[in-house]
C-alpha atoms as a PDB file:
ATOM      1  CA  MET A   1       9.383  19.796  56.676  1.00  0.00           C
ATOM      2  CA  ARG A   2      12.084  22.002  54.926  1.00  0.00           C
ATOM      3  CA  PRO A   3      11.807  23.538  51.018  1.00  0.00           C
ATOM      4  CA  ILE A   4      13.281  21.467  48.619  1.00  0.00           C
ATOM      5  CA  ARG A   5      16.678  23.127  47.102  1.00  0.00           C
ATOM      6  CA  VAL A   6      17.207  23.688  43.959  1.00  0.00           C
ATOM      7  CA  LEU A   7      20.908  24.377  42.824  1.00  0.00           C
ATOM      8  CA  VAL A   8      20.396  26.694  39.637  1.00  0.00           C
ATOM      9  CA  VAL A   9      23.880  26.341  36.781  1.00  0.00           C
ATOM     10  CA  ASP A  10      23.924  28.509  34.247  1.00  0.00           C
ATOM     11  CA  ASP A  11      26.638  30.679  32.957  1.00  0.00           C
ATOM     12  CA  SER A  12      23.927  33.672  31.659  1.00  0.00           C
ATOM     13  CA  GLU A  13      23.394  35.438  34.988  1.00  0.00           C
ATOM     14  CA  THR A  14      19.906  36.242  32.774  1.00  0.00           C
ATOM     15  CA  ASP A  15      19.068  32.692  32.653  1.00  0.00           C
ATOM     16  CA  ARG A  16      20.237  32.063  36.006  1.00  0.00           C
ATOM     17  CA  LEU A  17      18.188  35.011  37.428  1.00  0.00           C
ATOM     18  CA  MET A  18      14.990  34.299  35.712  1.00  0.00           C
ATOM     19  CA  ILE A  19      15.211  30.547  36.331  1.00  0.00           C
ATOM     20  CA  GLY A  20      16.081  31.481  40.116  1.00  0.00           C
ATOM     21  CA  GLY A  21      13.023  33.866  40.390  1.00  0.00           C
ATOM     22  CA  VAL A  22      10.357  31.022  38.628  1.00  0.00           C
ATOM     23  CA  LEU A  23      11.502  28.539  41.245  1.00  0.00           C
ATOM     24  CA  ARG A  24      11.264  30.980  44.442  1.00  0.00           C
ATOM     25  CA  ALA A  25       7.804  32.051  43.930  1.00  0.00           C
ATOM     26  CA  ALA A  26       7.076  28.647  43.882  1.00  0.00           C
ATOM     27  CA  GLY A  27       8.524  28.375  47.224  1.00  0.00           C
ATOM     28  CA  PHE A  28      11.426  26.533  46.187  1.00  0.00           C
ATOM     29  CA  GLU A  29      14.824  27.783  48.451  1.00  0.00           C
ATOM     30  CA  VAL A  30      17.016  28.230  45.585  1.00  0.00           C
ATOM     31  CA  PHE A  31      21.170  28.615  45.396  1.00  0.00           C
ATOM     32  CA  SER A  32      23.143  29.411  41.881  1.00  0.00           C
ATOM     33  CA  LEU A  33      26.605  29.138  40.218  1.00  0.00           C
ATOM     34  CA  PRO A  34      27.623  31.068  37.267  1.00  0.00           C
ATOM     35  CA  SER A  35      30.162  27.460  36.397  1.00  0.00           C
ATOM     36  CA  PRO A  36      29.913  23.959  37.084  1.00  0.00           C
ATOM     37  CA  ILE A  37      33.076  24.730  39.651  1.00  0.00           C
ATOM     38  CA  GLY A  38      32.004  24.360  43.035  1.00  0.00           C
ATOM     39  CA  VAL A  39      29.153  22.261  42.146  1.00  0.00           C
ATOM     40  CA  THR A  40      29.972  19.399  44.334  1.00  0.00           C
ATOM     41  CA  ARG A  41      30.925  21.397  47.788  1.00  0.00           C
ATOM     42  CA  GLU A  42      27.477  23.544  47.114  1.00  0.00           C
ATOM     43  CA  VAL A  43      25.333  20.715  46.844  1.00  0.00           C
ATOM     44  CA  THR A  44      27.189  19.253  50.230  1.00  0.00           C
ATOM     45  CA  GLU A  45      26.953  22.098  51.786  1.00  0.00           C
ATOM     46  CA  LYS A  46      23.236  23.168  51.046  1.00  0.00           C
ATOM     47  CA  GLU A  47      21.912  19.832  50.760  1.00  0.00           C
ATOM     48  CA  ILE A  48      20.752  20.491  47.605  1.00  0.00           C
ATOM     49  CA  ASP A  49      18.079  18.188  46.474  1.00  0.00           C
ATOM     50  CA  VAL A  50      17.565  19.016  42.496  1.00  0.00           C
ATOM     51  CA  VAL A  51      20.008  20.620  40.546  1.00  0.00           C
ATOM     52  CA  VAL A  52      18.972  22.149  37.253  1.00  0.00           C
ATOM     53  CA  LEU A  53      22.247  22.199  34.893  1.00  0.00           C
ATOM     54  CA  ASP A  54      22.621  24.111  31.691  1.00  0.00           C
ATOM     55  CA  VAL A  55      24.353  21.831  29.078  1.00  0.00           C
ATOM     56  CA  ASN A  56      25.997  24.332  27.276  1.00  0.00           C
ATOM     57  CA  MET A  57      28.527  26.244  29.415  1.00  0.00           C
ATOM     58  CA  PRO A  58      32.686  27.070  28.697  1.00  0.00           C
ATOM     59  CA  SER A  59      34.357  25.453  31.287  1.00  0.00           C
ATOM     60  CA  LEU A  60      32.484  22.366  31.562  1.00  0.00           C
ATOM     61  CA  ARG A  61      29.511  21.010  29.901  1.00  0.00           C
ATOM     62  CA  GLY A  62      26.667  20.445  32.175  1.00  0.00           C
ATOM     63  CA  ASP A  63      26.065  16.854  30.411  1.00  0.00           C
ATOM     64  CA  SER A  64      29.477  15.994  31.912  1.00  0.00           C
ATOM     65  CA  LEU A  65      28.660  17.429  35.069  1.00  0.00           C
ATOM     66  CA  ALA A  66      26.046  15.430  35.094  1.00  0.00           C
ATOM     67  CA  LYS A  67      27.743  12.312  34.241  1.00  0.00           C
ATOM     68  CA  LEU A  68      30.279  12.617  37.109  1.00  0.00           C
ATOM     69  CA  VAL A  69      27.501  13.351  39.860  1.00  0.00           C
ATOM     70  CA  LYS A  70      25.217  10.901  38.552  1.00  0.00           C
ATOM     71  CA  SER A  71      27.992   7.974  38.514  1.00  0.00           C
ATOM     72  CA  ASP A  72      29.356   8.759  42.090  1.00  0.00           C
ATOM     73  CA  PRO A  73      27.452   7.340  44.941  1.00  0.00           C
ATOM     74  CA  ALA A  74      28.391  10.583  47.456  1.00  0.00           C
ATOM     75  CA  PHE A  75      25.331  11.909  45.521  1.00  0.00           C
ATOM     76  CA  ASP A  76      22.601   8.838  44.813  1.00  0.00           C
ATOM     77  CA  GLY A  77      19.859  10.892  46.024  1.00  0.00           C
ATOM     78  CA  LEU A  78      20.522  14.273  44.116  1.00  0.00           C
ATOM     79  CA  ARG A  79      18.416  15.002  41.144  1.00  0.00           C
ATOM     80  CA  VAL A  80      19.522  16.288  37.844  1.00  0.00           C
ATOM     81  CA  ILE A  81      17.937  17.926  35.200  1.00  0.00           C
ATOM     82  CA  LEU A  82      19.684  19.675  32.196  1.00  0.00           C
ATOM     83  CA  ILE A  83      18.531  22.435  30.188  1.00  0.00           C
ATOM     84  CA  SER A  84      19.364  23.628  26.906  1.00  0.00           C
ATOM     85  CA  ALA A  85      18.268  25.790  23.991  1.00  0.00           C
ATOM     86  CA  THR A  86      18.850  23.122  21.088  1.00  0.00           C
ATOM     87  CA  SER A  87      16.427  20.959  20.161  1.00  0.00           C
ATOM     88  CA  ALA A  88      14.365  17.998  22.199  1.00  0.00           C
ATOM     89  CA  ASP A  89      15.529  15.057  20.462  1.00  0.00           C
ATOM     90  CA  THR A  90      19.470  16.571  21.387  1.00  0.00           C
ATOM     91  CA  ILE A  91      18.543  17.459  24.718  1.00  0.00           C
ATOM     92  CA  ALA A  92      16.544  13.718  25.435  1.00  0.00           C
ATOM     93  CA  GLU A  93      19.297  12.238  24.001  1.00  0.00           C
ATOM     94  CA  LEU A  94      22.191  14.058  26.179  1.00  0.00           C
ATOM     95  CA  ALA A  95      19.863  13.609  29.131  1.00  0.00           C
ATOM     96  CA  ARG A  96      19.898   9.548  28.715  1.00  0.00           C
ATOM     97  CA  ALA A  97      23.335   9.081  28.345  1.00  0.00           C
ATOM     98  CA  VAL A  98      23.984  11.078  31.492  1.00  0.00           C
ATOM     99  CA  ASN A  99      21.078   9.281  33.743  1.00  0.00           C
ATOM    100  CA  ALA A 100      19.594  12.834  34.373  1.00  0.00           C
ATOM    101  CA  ASP A 101      16.582  12.628  35.912  1.00  0.00           C
ATOM    102  CA  GLY A 102      15.164  14.829  33.380  1.00  0.00           C
ATOM    103  CA  TRP A 103      15.425  17.681  30.737  1.00  0.00           C
ATOM    104  CA  LEU A 104      13.909  20.841  29.536  1.00  0.00           C
ATOM    105  CA  ARG A 105      14.426  23.145  26.419  1.00  0.00           C
ATOM    106  CA  LYS A 106      15.035  26.592  27.755  1.00  0.00           C
ATOM    107  CA  ASP A 107      11.770  27.558  26.363  1.00  0.00           C
ATOM    108  CA  GLU A 108       9.952  25.115  28.340  1.00  0.00           C
ATOM    109  CA  LEU A 109      10.963  26.455  31.595  1.00  0.00           C
ATOM    110  CA  TYR A 110       8.443  28.947  32.544  1.00  0.00           C
ATOM    111  CA  THR A 111       5.616  25.962  31.382  1.00  0.00           C
ATOM    112  CA  ARG A 112       7.395  23.136  33.339  1.00  0.00           C
ATOM    113  CA  LEU A 113      10.209  23.546  35.979  1.00  0.00           C
ATOM    114  CA  VAL A 114       8.164  23.873  38.442  1.00  0.00           C
ATOM    115  CA  ALA A 115       6.234  20.612  38.210  1.00  0.00           C
ATOM    116  CA  MET A 116       9.326  18.911  37.477  1.00  0.00           C
ATOM    117  CA  VAL A 117      11.037  20.258  40.572  1.00  0.00           C
ATOM    118  CA  SER A 118       8.403  19.487  42.939  1.00  0.00           C
ATOM    119  CA  GLU A 119       8.204  15.746  41.269  1.00  0.00           C
ATOM    120  CA  LEU A 120      12.015  15.050  41.534  1.00  0.00           C
ATOM    121  CA  GLY A 121      12.757  17.038  44.171  1.00  0.00           C
ATOM    122  CA  SER A 122       9.964  15.215  46.524  1.00  0.00           C
ATOM    123  CA  SER A 123      11.405  11.334  45.232  1.00  0.00           C
ATOM    124  CA  ALA A 124      14.894  12.584  46.451  1.00  0.00           C
ATOM    125  CA  ASP A 125      15.123  10.883  49.470  1.00  0.00           C
ATOM    126  CA  ASP A 126      13.836   7.753  48.129  1.00  0.00           C
END
């Protein structure tokens, strides 16, 4: 069985490297993009199971991209986790509004991200 494939999309290189490192250390296959441009191509070509999307990006907000992806039947099994440094209430509300599968504050990435990706990634084919 292949490892869960995760795409990390964050305009912060530091955050992309940190998130990727945490996920790789947990055994996931990780890809990353510095912007939302090319996400759908990457998801299709790499057979991505879970996308970790930063909300606050300059070209297109992560929640807007999540809404587009979650409403497209072509990406039916794809799981989306929104991440942000904003308040828990704000990120939770955004996640609900776009039907994201999960959300985390950036200060929770070290403690909760691996478990969330494991859970969502293993259910991506359901």
